Amino acid sequence: MIYGLVANQFPTKMRGAAVAWAAGFGRLGGVSGPLLGGFVLAAGLAVDSIFYILTGLALVGVILTLLVPRAHREDDIHSTPIEPTAPVASGTPAGSSIR
C-alpha cells in the first residue's frame, strides 16, 4: 500500500523516481528486519519479547505513515471540459429488417 501512497504524493514527472526510492527503502527493510530479529534472538531474549519489539517498530511505521500530509496537486487536473459525443448511427434505420 505504500507504493500507492507514494504515487499519490508526487506529481507525474517525479512519480516513477519516488516509487523507485520507496521500493529501495522497502528492500532495506526486508534485509534489516530479519537481521534485527537475528541479533535480538542472539542476545538471548525470548520469542515473545522479539514479537513485541517488532510490533513496536511496525506501529512507529504506521504512525509515521499516517502523519504524511495529503497531496493537493493541481498539475494533473485539466480545466478543459470534455463534452459527450453523439452516438454513431448504424447503417440500418431502427425498425427496418434486412432481407
PDB file of N, CA and C in Angstrom:
ATOM      1  N   MET A   1       0.804  -1.184   0.000  1.00  0.00           N
ATOM      2  CA  MET A   1       0.000   0.000   0.000  1.00  0.00           C
ATOM      3  C   MET A   1       0.853   1.256   0.000  1.00  0.00           C
ATOM      4  N   ILE A   2       2.092   1.130   0.420  1.00  0.00           N
ATOM      5  CA  ILE A   2       2.946   2.313   0.475  1.00  0.00           C
ATOM      6  C   ILE A   2       3.256   2.829  -0.927  1.00  0.00           C
ATOM      7  N   TYR A   3       3.269   1.941  -1.918  1.00  0.00           N
ATOM      8  CA  TYR A   3       3.535   2.392  -3.281  1.00  0.00           C
ATOM      9  C   TYR A   3       2.404   3.290  -3.780  1.00  0.00           C
ATOM     10  N   GLY A   4       1.176   2.946  -3.456  1.00  0.00           N
ATOM     11  CA  GLY A   4       0.043   3.785  -3.826  1.00  0.00           C
ATOM     12  C   GLY A   4       0.086   5.135  -3.121  1.00  0.00           C
ATOM     13  N   LEU A   5       0.471   5.131  -1.853  1.00  0.00           N
ATOM     14  CA  LEU A   5       0.596   6.382  -1.108  1.00  0.00           C
ATOM     15  C   LEU A   5       1.662   7.277  -1.721  1.00  0.00           C
ATOM     16  N   VAL A   6       2.812   6.694  -2.032  1.00  0.00           N
ATOM     17  CA  VAL A   6       3.899   7.470  -2.633  1.00  0.00           C
ATOM     18  C   VAL A   6       3.496   7.984  -4.004  1.00  0.00           C
ATOM     19  N   ALA A   7       2.819   7.166  -4.787  1.00  0.00           N
ATOM     20  CA  ALA A   7       2.408   7.593  -6.127  1.00  0.00           C
ATOM     21  C   ALA A   7       1.425   8.755  -6.073  1.00  0.00           C
ATOM     22  N   ASN A   8       0.607   8.824  -5.029  1.00  0.00           N
ATOM     23  CA  ASN A   8      -0.341   9.929  -4.904  1.00  0.00           C
ATOM     24  C   ASN A   8       0.297  11.192  -4.335  1.00  0.00           C
ATOM     25  N   GLN A   9       1.453  11.077  -3.723  1.00  0.00           N
ATOM     26  CA  GLN A   9       2.091  12.239  -3.102  1.00  0.00           C
ATOM     27  C   GLN A   9       2.921  13.060  -4.075  1.00  0.00           C
ATOM     28  N   PHE A  10       3.317  12.496  -5.191  1.00  0.00           N
ATOM     29  CA  PHE A  10       4.239  13.175  -6.096  1.00  0.00           C
ATOM     30  C   PHE A  10       3.579  13.461  -7.432  1.00  0.00           C
ATOM     31  N   PRO A  11       3.980  14.565  -8.088  1.00  0.00           N
ATOM     32  CA  PRO A  11       3.435  14.862  -9.414  1.00  0.00           C
ATOM     33  C   PRO A  11       3.903  13.841 -10.441  1.00  0.00           C
ATOM     34  N   THR A  12       3.264  13.847 -11.587  1.00  0.00           N
ATOM     35  CA  THR A  12       3.502  12.839 -12.618  1.00  0.00           C
ATOM     36  C   THR A  12       4.962  12.773 -13.035  1.00  0.00           C
ATOM     37  N   LYS A  13       5.618  13.921 -13.143  1.00  0.00           N
ATOM     38  CA  LYS A  13       7.011  13.943 -13.605  1.00  0.00           C
ATOM     39  C   LYS A  13       7.952  13.212 -12.651  1.00  0.00           C
ATOM     40  N   MET A  14       7.633  13.189 -11.365  1.00  0.00           N
ATOM     41  CA  MET A  14       8.530  12.611 -10.361  1.00  0.00           C
ATOM     42  C   MET A  14       8.026  11.286  -9.797  1.00  0.00           C
ATOM     43  N   ARG A  15       6.880  10.832 -10.254  1.00  0.00           N
ATOM     44  CA  ARG A  15       6.237   9.668  -9.649  1.00  0.00           C
ATOM     45  C   ARG A  15       7.063   8.399  -9.772  1.00  0.00           C
ATOM     46  N   GLY A  16       7.652   8.158 -10.933  1.00  0.00           N
ATOM     47  CA  GLY A  16       8.441   6.933 -11.129  1.00  0.00           C
ATOM     48  C   GLY A  16       9.646   6.878 -10.205  1.00  0.00           C
ATOM     49  N   ALA A  17      10.352   7.994 -10.085  1.00  0.00           N
ATOM     50  CA  ALA A  17      11.522   8.032  -9.206  1.00  0.00           C
ATOM     51  C   ALA A  17      11.114   7.877  -7.742  1.00  0.00           C
ATOM     52  N   ALA A  18       9.993   8.479  -7.363  1.00  0.00           N
ATOM     53  CA  ALA A  18       9.545   8.382  -5.972  1.00  0.00           C
ATOM     54  C   ALA A  18       9.172   6.950  -5.604  1.00  0.00           C
ATOM     55  N   VAL A  19       8.481   6.268  -6.490  1.00  0.00           N
ATOM     56  CA  VAL A  19       8.103   4.875  -6.211  1.00  0.00           C
ATOM     57  C   VAL A  19       9.350   3.992  -6.184  1.00  0.00           C
ATOM     58  N   ALA A  20      10.326   4.293  -7.043  1.00  0.00           N
ATOM     59  CA  ALA A  20      11.578   3.520  -7.039  1.00  0.00           C
ATOM     60  C   ALA A  20      12.338   3.710  -5.729  1.00  0.00           C
ATOM     61  N   TRP A  21      12.369   4.937  -5.223  1.00  0.00           N
ATOM     62  CA  TRP A  21      13.020   5.176  -3.929  1.00  0.00           C
ATOM     63  C   TRP A  21      12.287   4.440  -2.804  1.00  0.00           C
ATOM     64  N   ALA A  22      10.967   4.447  -2.846  1.00  0.00           N
ATOM     65  CA  ALA A  22      10.194   3.730  -1.828  1.00  0.00           C
ATOM     66  C   ALA A  22      10.469   2.234  -1.892  1.00  0.00           C
ATOM     67  N   ALA A  23      10.580   1.702  -3.105  1.00  0.00           N
ATOM     68  CA  ALA A  23      10.889   0.281  -3.256  1.00  0.00           C
ATOM     69  C   ALA A  23      12.290  -0.025  -2.736  1.00  0.00           C
ATOM     70  N   GLY A  24      13.236   0.888  -2.973  1.00  0.00           N
ATOM     71  CA  GLY A  24      14.601   0.699  -2.477  1.00  0.00           C
ATOM     72  C   GLY A  24      14.657   0.662  -0.958  1.00  0.00           C
ATOM     73  N   PHE A  25      13.950   1.585  -0.319  1.00  0.00           N
ATOM     74  CA  PHE A  25      13.925   1.574   1.144  1.00  0.00           C
ATOM     75  C   PHE A  25      13.157   0.372   1.670  1.00  0.00           C
ATOM     76  N   GLY A  26      12.174  -0.103   0.918  1.00  0.00           N
ATOM     77  CA  GLY A  26      11.473  -1.320   1.300  1.00  0.00           C
ATOM     78  C   GLY A  26      12.399  -2.527   1.272  1.00  0.00           C
ATOM     79  N   ARG A  27      13.304  -2.559   0.292  1.00  0.00           N
ATOM     80  CA  ARG A  27      14.292  -3.650   0.232  1.00  0.00           C
ATOM     81  C   ARG A  27      15.237  -3.593   1.432  1.00  0.00           C
ATOM     82  N   LEU A  28      15.602  -2.380   1.829  1.00  0.00           N
ATOM     83  CA  LEU A  28      16.456  -2.250   3.022  1.00  0.00           C
ATOM     84  C   LEU A  28      15.735  -2.795   4.257  1.00  0.00           C
ATOM     85  N   GLY A  29      14.449  -2.528   4.346  1.00  0.00           N
ATOM     86  CA  GLY A  29      13.676  -3.064   5.460  1.00  0.00           C
ATOM     87  C   GLY A  29      13.554  -4.576   5.398  1.00  0.00           C
ATOM     88  N   GLY A  30      13.441  -5.100   4.190  1.00  0.00           N
ATOM     89  CA  GLY A  30      13.362  -6.552   4.030  1.00  0.00           C
ATOM     90  C   GLY A  30      14.646  -7.258   4.430  1.00  0.00           C
ATOM     91  N   VAL A  31      15.775  -6.568   4.283  1.00  0.00           N
ATOM     92  CA  VAL A  31      17.059  -7.146   4.681  1.00  0.00           C
ATOM     93  C   VAL A  31      17.316  -6.921   6.165  1.00  0.00           C
ATOM     94  N   SER A  32      17.047  -5.703   6.642  1.00  0.00           N
ATOM     95  CA  SER A  32      17.389  -5.377   8.024  1.00  0.00           C
ATOM     96  C   SER A  32      16.424  -5.990   9.033  1.00  0.00           C
ATOM     97  N   GLY A  33      15.179  -6.289   8.641  1.00  0.00           N
ATOM     98  CA  GLY A  33      14.220  -6.895   9.566  1.00  0.00           C
ATOM     99  C   GLY A  33      14.669  -8.252  10.090  1.00  0.00           C
ATOM    100  N   PRO A  34      14.974  -9.210   9.213  1.00  0.00           N
ATOM    101  CA  PRO A  34      15.467 -10.498   9.707  1.00  0.00           C
ATOM    102  C   PRO A  34      16.822 -10.387  10.412  1.00  0.00           C
ATOM    103  N   LEU A  35      17.643  -9.439   9.957  1.00  0.00           N
ATOM    104  CA  LEU A  35      18.936  -9.228  10.618  1.00  0.00           C
ATOM    105  C   LEU A  35      18.735  -8.747  12.047  1.00  0.00           C
ATOM    106  N   LEU A  36      17.813  -7.797  12.230  1.00  0.00           N
ATOM    107  CA  LEU A  36      17.497  -7.308  13.572  1.00  0.00           C
ATOM    108  C   LEU A  36      16.908  -8.425  14.426  1.00  0.00           C
ATOM    109  N   GLY A  37      16.020  -9.233  13.832  1.00  0.00           N
ATOM    110  CA  GLY A  37      15.462 -10.372  14.565  1.00  0.00           C
ATOM    111  C   GLY A  37      16.537 -11.359  14.990  1.00  0.00           C
ATOM    112  N   GLY A  38      17.515 -11.603  14.123  1.00  0.00           N
ATOM    113  CA  GLY A  38      18.623 -12.495  14.479  1.00  0.00           C
ATOM    114  C   GLY A  38      19.473 -11.939  15.601  1.00  0.00           C
ATOM    115  N   PHE A  39      19.743 -10.636  15.572  1.00  0.00           N
ATOM    116  CA  PHE A  39      20.519 -10.010  16.653  1.00  0.00           C
ATOM    117  C   PHE A  39      19.790 -10.085  17.986  1.00  0.00           C
ATOM    118  N   VAL A  40      18.489  -9.827  17.964  1.00  0.00           N
ATOM    119  CA  VAL A  40      17.712  -9.877  19.204  1.00  0.00           C
ATOM    120  C   VAL A  40      17.623 -11.311  19.722  1.00  0.00           C
ATOM    121  N   LEU A  41      17.470 -12.269  18.826  1.00  0.00           N
ATOM    122  CA  LEU A  41      17.430 -13.672  19.232  1.00  0.00           C
ATOM    123  C   LEU A  41      18.780 -14.119  19.786  1.00  0.00           C
ATOM    124  N   ALA A  42      19.871 -13.654  19.167  1.00  0.00           N
ATOM    125  CA  ALA A  42      21.208 -13.994  19.646  1.00  0.00           C
ATOM    126  C   ALA A  42      21.510 -13.346  20.998  1.00  0.00           C
ATOM    127  N   ALA A  43      20.811 -12.250  21.320  1.00  0.00           N
ATOM    128  CA  ALA A  43      21.007 -11.587  22.610  1.00  0.00           C
ATOM    129  C   ALA A  43      20.375 -12.373  23.750  1.00  0.00           C
ATOM    130  N   GLY A  44      19.594 -13.400  23.414  1.00  0.00           N
ATOM    131  CA  GLY A  44      19.027 -14.262  24.450  1.00  0.00           C
ATOM    132  C   GLY A  44      17.627 -13.867  24.879  1.00  0.00           C
ATOM    133  N   LEU A  45      16.984 -12.960  24.156  1.00  0.00           N
ATOM    134  CA  LEU A  45      15.618 -12.587  24.517  1.00  0.00           C
ATOM    135  C   LEU A  45      14.645 -13.672  24.069  1.00  0.00           C
ATOM    136  N   ALA A  46      13.523 -13.751  24.750  1.00  0.00           N
ATOM    137  CA  ALA A  46      12.503 -14.743  24.400  1.00  0.00           C
ATOM    138  C   ALA A  46      11.799 -14.330  23.114  1.00  0.00           C
ATOM    139  N   VAL A  47      11.164 -15.289  22.472  1.00  0.00           N
ATOM    140  CA  VAL A  47      10.498 -15.034  21.198  1.00  0.00           C
ATOM    141  C   VAL A  47       9.357 -14.024  21.371  1.00  0.00           C
ATOM    142  N   ASP A  48       8.634 -14.077  22.486  1.00  0.00           N
ATOM    143  CA  ASP A  48       7.554 -13.109  22.675  1.00  0.00           C
ATOM    144  C   ASP A  48       8.101 -11.691  22.845  1.00  0.00           C
ATOM    145  N   SER A  49       9.282 -11.536  23.405  1.00  0.00           N
ATOM    146  CA  SER A  49       9.900 -10.210  23.502  1.00  0.00           C
ATOM    147  C   SER A  49      10.264  -9.679  22.119  1.00  0.00           C
ATOM    148  N   ILE A  50      10.752 -10.553  21.264  1.00  0.00           N
ATOM    149  CA  ILE A  50      11.076 -10.162  19.890  1.00  0.00           C
ATOM    150  C   ILE A  50       9.801  -9.710  19.170  1.00  0.00           C
ATOM    151  N   PHE A  51       8.712 -10.430  19.394  1.00  0.00           N
ATOM    152  CA  PHE A  51       7.443 -10.067  18.784  1.00  0.00           C
ATOM    153  C   PHE A  51       7.021  -8.664  19.209  1.00  0.00           C
ATOM    154  N   TYR A  52       7.147  -8.357  20.492  1.00  0.00           N
ATOM    155  CA  TYR A  52       6.743  -7.042  20.978  1.00  0.00           C
ATOM    156  C   TYR A  52       7.656  -5.931  20.440  1.00  0.00           C
ATOM    157  N   ILE A  53       8.937  -6.209  20.314  1.00  0.00           N
ATOM    158  CA  ILE A  53       9.866  -5.214  19.759  1.00  0.00           C
ATOM    159  C   ILE A  53       9.520  -4.920  18.302  1.00  0.00           C
ATOM    160  N   LEU A  54       9.315  -5.966  17.518  1.00  0.00           N
ATOM    161  CA  LEU A  54       8.996  -5.768  16.103  1.00  0.00           C
ATOM    162  C   LEU A  54       7.604  -5.172  15.912  1.00  0.00           C
ATOM    163  N   THR A  55       6.667  -5.487  16.803  1.00  0.00           N
ATOM    164  CA  THR A  55       5.344  -4.862  16.748  1.00  0.00           C
ATOM    165  C   THR A  55       5.451  -3.372  17.042  1.00  0.00           C
ATOM    166  N   GLY A  56       6.285  -2.996  17.996  1.00  0.00           N
ATOM    167  CA  GLY A  56       6.509  -1.580  18.290  1.00  0.00           C
ATOM    168  C   GLY A  56       7.091  -0.839  17.093  1.00  0.00           C
ATOM    169  N   LEU A  57       8.038  -1.466  16.412  1.00  0.00           N
ATOM    170  CA  LEU A  57       8.611  -0.838  15.219  1.00  0.00           C
ATOM    171  C   LEU A  57       7.573  -0.704  14.105  1.00  0.00           C
ATOM    172  N   ALA A  58       6.713  -1.696  13.963  1.00  0.00           N
ATOM    173  CA  ALA A  58       5.655  -1.620  12.955  1.00  0.00           C
ATOM    174  C   ALA A  58       4.667  -0.498  13.292  1.00  0.00           C
ATOM    175  N   LEU A  59       4.349  -0.323  14.559  1.00  0.00           N
ATOM    176  CA  LEU A  59       3.448   0.763  14.960  1.00  0.00           C
ATOM    177  C   LEU A  59       4.071   2.134  14.708  1.00  0.00           C
ATOM    178  N   VAL A  60       5.376   2.246  14.920  1.00  0.00           N
ATOM    179  CA  VAL A  60       6.066   3.500  14.596  1.00  0.00           C
ATOM    180  C   VAL A  60       5.932   3.783  13.097  1.00  0.00           C
ATOM    181  N   GLY A  61       6.075   2.755  12.273  1.00  0.00           N
ATOM    182  CA  GLY A  61       5.909   2.924  10.836  1.00  0.00           C
ATOM    183  C   GLY A  61       4.501   3.348  10.459  1.00  0.00           C
ATOM    184  N   VAL A  62       3.503   2.776  11.110  1.00  0.00           N
ATOM    185  CA  VAL A  62       2.116   3.149  10.842  1.00  0.00           C
ATOM    186  C   VAL A  62       1.872   4.607  11.231  1.00  0.00           C
ATOM    187  N   ILE A  63       2.355   4.999  12.389  1.00  0.00           N
ATOM    188  CA  ILE A  63       2.166   6.378  12.850  1.00  0.00           C
ATOM    189  C   ILE A  63       2.853   7.358  11.905  1.00  0.00           C
ATOM    190  N   LEU A  64       4.072   7.044  11.486  1.00  0.00           N
ATOM    191  CA  LEU A  64       4.772   7.930  10.556  1.00  0.00           C
ATOM    192  C   LEU A  64       4.056   8.017   9.208  1.00  0.00           C
ATOM    193  N   THR A  65       3.484   6.912   8.755  1.00  0.00           N
ATOM    194  CA  THR A  65       2.736   6.929   7.501  1.00  0.00           C
ATOM    195  C   THR A  65       1.477   7.775   7.630  1.00  0.00           C
ATOM    196  N   LEU A  66       0.803   7.698   8.765  1.00  0.00           N
ATOM    197  CA  LEU A  66      -0.405   8.495   8.966  1.00  0.00           C
ATOM    198  C   LEU A  66      -0.108   9.981   9.111  1.00  0.00           C
ATOM    199  N   LEU A  67       1.101  10.333   9.487  1.00  0.00           N
ATOM    200  CA  LEU A  67       1.468  11.739   9.637  1.00  0.00           C
ATOM    201  C   LEU A  67       1.822  12.414   8.314  1.00  0.00           C
ATOM    202  N   VAL A  68       1.913  11.648   7.233  1.00  0.00           N
ATOM    203  CA  VAL A  68       2.218  12.232   5.925  1.00  0.00           C
ATOM    204  C   VAL A  68       1.008  13.045   5.482  1.00  0.00           C
ATOM    205  N   PRO A  69       1.209  14.318   5.133  1.00  0.00           N
ATOM    206  CA  PRO A  69       0.057  15.135   4.730  1.00  0.00           C
ATOM    207  C   PRO A  69      -0.500  14.691   3.386  1.00  0.00           C
ATOM    208  N   ARG A  70      -1.775  14.966   3.186  1.00  0.00           N
ATOM    209  CA  ARG A  70      -2.416  14.634   1.901  1.00  0.00           C
ATOM    210  C   ARG A  70      -1.874  15.527   0.815  1.00  0.00           C
ATOM    211  N   ALA A  71      -1.730  14.982  -0.357  1.00  0.00           N
ATOM    212  CA  ALA A  71      -1.241  15.755  -1.503  1.00  0.00           C
ATOM    213  C   ALA A  71      -2.398  16.521  -2.121  1.00  0.00           C
ATOM    214  N   HIS A  72      -2.172  17.793  -2.378  1.00  0.00           N
ATOM    215  CA  HIS A  72      -3.152  18.628  -3.072  1.00  0.00           C
ATOM    216  C   HIS A  72      -2.511  19.092  -4.356  1.00  0.00           C
ATOM    217  N   ARG A  73      -2.630  18.251  -5.381  1.00  0.00           N
ATOM    218  CA  ARG A  73      -1.996  18.567  -6.665  1.00  0.00           C
ATOM    219  C   ARG A  73      -3.006  19.187  -7.595  1.00  0.00           C
ATOM    220  N   GLU A  74      -2.585  20.213  -8.249  1.00  0.00           N
ATOM    221  CA  GLU A  74      -3.431  20.827  -9.255  1.00  0.00           C
ATOM    222  C   GLU A  74      -2.823  20.673 -10.648  1.00  0.00           C
ATOM    223  N   ASP A  75      -1.615  20.114 -10.735  1.00  0.00           N
ATOM    224  CA  ASP A  75      -0.964  19.998 -12.039  1.00  0.00           C
ATOM    225  C   ASP A  75      -1.545  18.869 -12.886  1.00  0.00           C
ATOM    226  N   ASP A  76      -2.192  17.891 -12.273  1.00  0.00           N
ATOM    227  CA  ASP A  76      -2.765  16.784 -13.031  1.00  0.00           C
ATOM    228  C   ASP A  76      -4.239  17.009 -13.385  1.00  0.00           C
ATOM    229  N   ILE A  77      -4.823  18.086 -12.872  1.00  0.00           N
ATOM    230  CA  ILE A  77      -6.226  18.363 -13.133  1.00  0.00           C
ATOM    231  C   ILE A  77      -6.322  19.284 -14.345  1.00  0.00           C
ATOM    232  N   HIS A  78      -7.083  18.866 -15.322  1.00  0.00           N
ATOM    233  CA  HIS A  78      -7.245  19.649 -16.541  1.00  0.00           C
ATOM    234  C   HIS A  78      -8.529  20.456 -16.445  1.00  0.00           C
ATOM    235  N   SER A  79      -8.467  21.715 -16.851  1.00  0.00           N
ATOM    236  CA  SER A  79      -9.642  22.568 -16.765  1.00  0.00           C
ATOM    237  C   SER A  79     -10.494  22.504 -18.025  1.00  0.00           C
ATOM    238  N   THR A  80     -10.081  21.761 -19.036  1.00  0.00           N
ATOM    239  CA  THR A  80     -10.848  21.660 -20.272  1.00  0.00           C
ATOM    240  C   THR A  80     -11.988  20.669 -20.084  1.00  0.00           C
ATOM    241  N   PRO A  81     -13.231  21.134 -20.242  1.00  0.00           N
ATOM    242  CA  PRO A  81     -14.345  20.195 -20.070  1.00  0.00           C
ATOM    243  C   PRO A  81     -14.425  19.232 -21.249  1.00  0.00           C
ATOM    244  N   ILE A  82     -14.821  18.038 -20.971  1.00  0.00           N
ATOM    245  CA  ILE A  82     -14.978  17.020 -22.013  1.00  0.00           C
ATOM    246  C   ILE A  82     -16.465  16.850 -22.252  1.00  0.00           C
ATOM    247  N   GLU A  83     -16.887  17.120 -23.489  1.00  0.00           N
ATOM    248  CA  GLU A  83     -18.298  17.029 -23.827  1.00  0.00           C
ATOM    249  C   GLU A  83     -18.599  15.658 -24.422  1.00  0.00           C
ATOM    250  N   PRO A  84     -19.739  15.088 -24.080  1.00  0.00           N
ATOM    251  CA  PRO A  84     -20.093  13.784 -24.656  1.00  0.00           C
ATOM    252  C   PRO A  84     -20.368  13.922 -26.146  1.00  0.00           C
ATOM    253  N   THR A  85     -20.063  12.906 -26.888  1.00  0.00           N
ATOM    254  CA  THR A  85     -20.316  12.907 -28.327  1.00  0.00           C
ATOM    255  C   THR A  85     -21.620  12.198 -28.608  1.00  0.00           C
ATOM    256  N   ALA A  86     -22.215  12.527 -29.747  1.00  0.00           N
ATOM    257  CA  ALA A  86     -23.465  11.888 -30.144  1.00  0.00           C
ATOM    258  C   ALA A  86     -23.171  10.455 -30.570  1.00  0.00           C
ATOM    259  N   PRO A  87     -24.090   9.538 -30.331  1.00  0.00           N
ATOM    260  CA  PRO A  87     -23.857   8.145 -30.744  1.00  0.00           C
ATOM    261  C   PRO A  87     -23.774   8.052 -32.263  1.00  0.00           C
ATOM    262  N   VAL A  88     -22.915   7.190 -32.719  1.00  0.00           N
ATOM    263  CA  VAL A  88     -22.734   6.988 -34.153  1.00  0.00           C
ATOM    264  C   VAL A  88     -23.884   6.149 -34.670  1.00  0.00           C
ATOM    265  N   ALA A  89     -24.520   6.625 -35.730  1.00  0.00           N
ATOM    266  CA  ALA A  89     -25.678   5.906 -36.297  1.00  0.00           C
ATOM    267  C   ALA A  89     -25.179   4.701 -37.081  1.00  0.00           C
ATOM    268  N   SER A  90     -25.888   3.613 -36.936  1.00  0.00           N
ATOM    269  CA  SER A  90     -25.522   2.425 -37.709  1.00  0.00           C
ATOM    270  C   SER A  90     -26.096   2.558 -39.105  1.00  0.00           C
ATOM    271  N   GLY A  91     -25.722   1.668 -39.995  1.00  0.00           N
ATOM    272  CA  GLY A  91     -26.138   1.748 -41.381  1.00  0.00           C
ATOM    273  C   GLY A  91     -27.618   1.440 -41.606  1.00  0.00           C
ATOM    274  N   THR A  92     -28.269   0.775 -40.650  1.00  0.00           N
ATOM    275  CA  THR A  92     -29.674   0.399 -40.815  1.00  0.00           C
ATOM    276  C   THR A  92     -30.547   1.228 -39.883  1.00  0.00           C
ATOM    277  N   PRO A  93     -31.625   1.793 -40.389  1.00  0.00           N
ATOM    278  CA  PRO A  93     -32.518   2.535 -39.516  1.00  0.00           C
ATOM    279  C   PRO A  93     -33.241   1.588 -38.567  1.00  0.00           C
ATOM    280  N   ALA A  94     -33.612   2.128 -37.437  1.00  0.00           N
ATOM    281  CA  ALA A  94     -34.301   1.307 -36.440  1.00  0.00           C
ATOM    282  C   ALA A  94     -35.648   0.855 -36.975  1.00  0.00           C
ATOM    283  N   GLY A  95     -36.043  -0.354 -36.741  1.00  0.00           N
ATOM    284  CA  GLY A  95     -37.325  -0.872 -37.154  1.00  0.00           C
ATOM    285  C   GLY A  95     -37.316  -1.514 -38.534  1.00  0.00           C
ATOM    286  N   SER A  96     -36.276  -1.348 -39.297  1.00  0.00           N
ATOM    287  CA  SER A  96     -36.252  -1.973 -40.640  1.00  0.00           C
ATOM    288  C   SER A  96     -35.607  -3.344 -40.535  1.00  0.00           C
ATOM    289  N   SER A  97     -35.975  -4.195 -41.415  1.00  0.00           N
ATOM    290  CA  SER A  97     -35.383  -5.536 -41.419  1.00  0.00           C
ATOM    291  C   SER A  97     -34.547  -5.705 -42.674  1.00  0.00           C
ATOM    292  N   ILE A  98     -33.515  -6.469 -42.542  1.00  0.00           N
ATOM    293  CA  ILE A  98     -32.622  -6.729 -43.674  1.00  0.00           C
ATOM    294  C   ILE A  98     -33.026  -8.059 -44.283  1.00  0.00           C
ATOM    295  N   ARG A  99     -33.218  -8.078 -45.633  1.00  0.00           N
ATOM    296  CA  ARG A  99     -33.612  -9.323 -46.302  1.00  0.00           C
ATOM    297  C   ARG A  99     -32.486  -9.896 -47.059  1.00  0.00           C
TER     298      ARG A  99
END
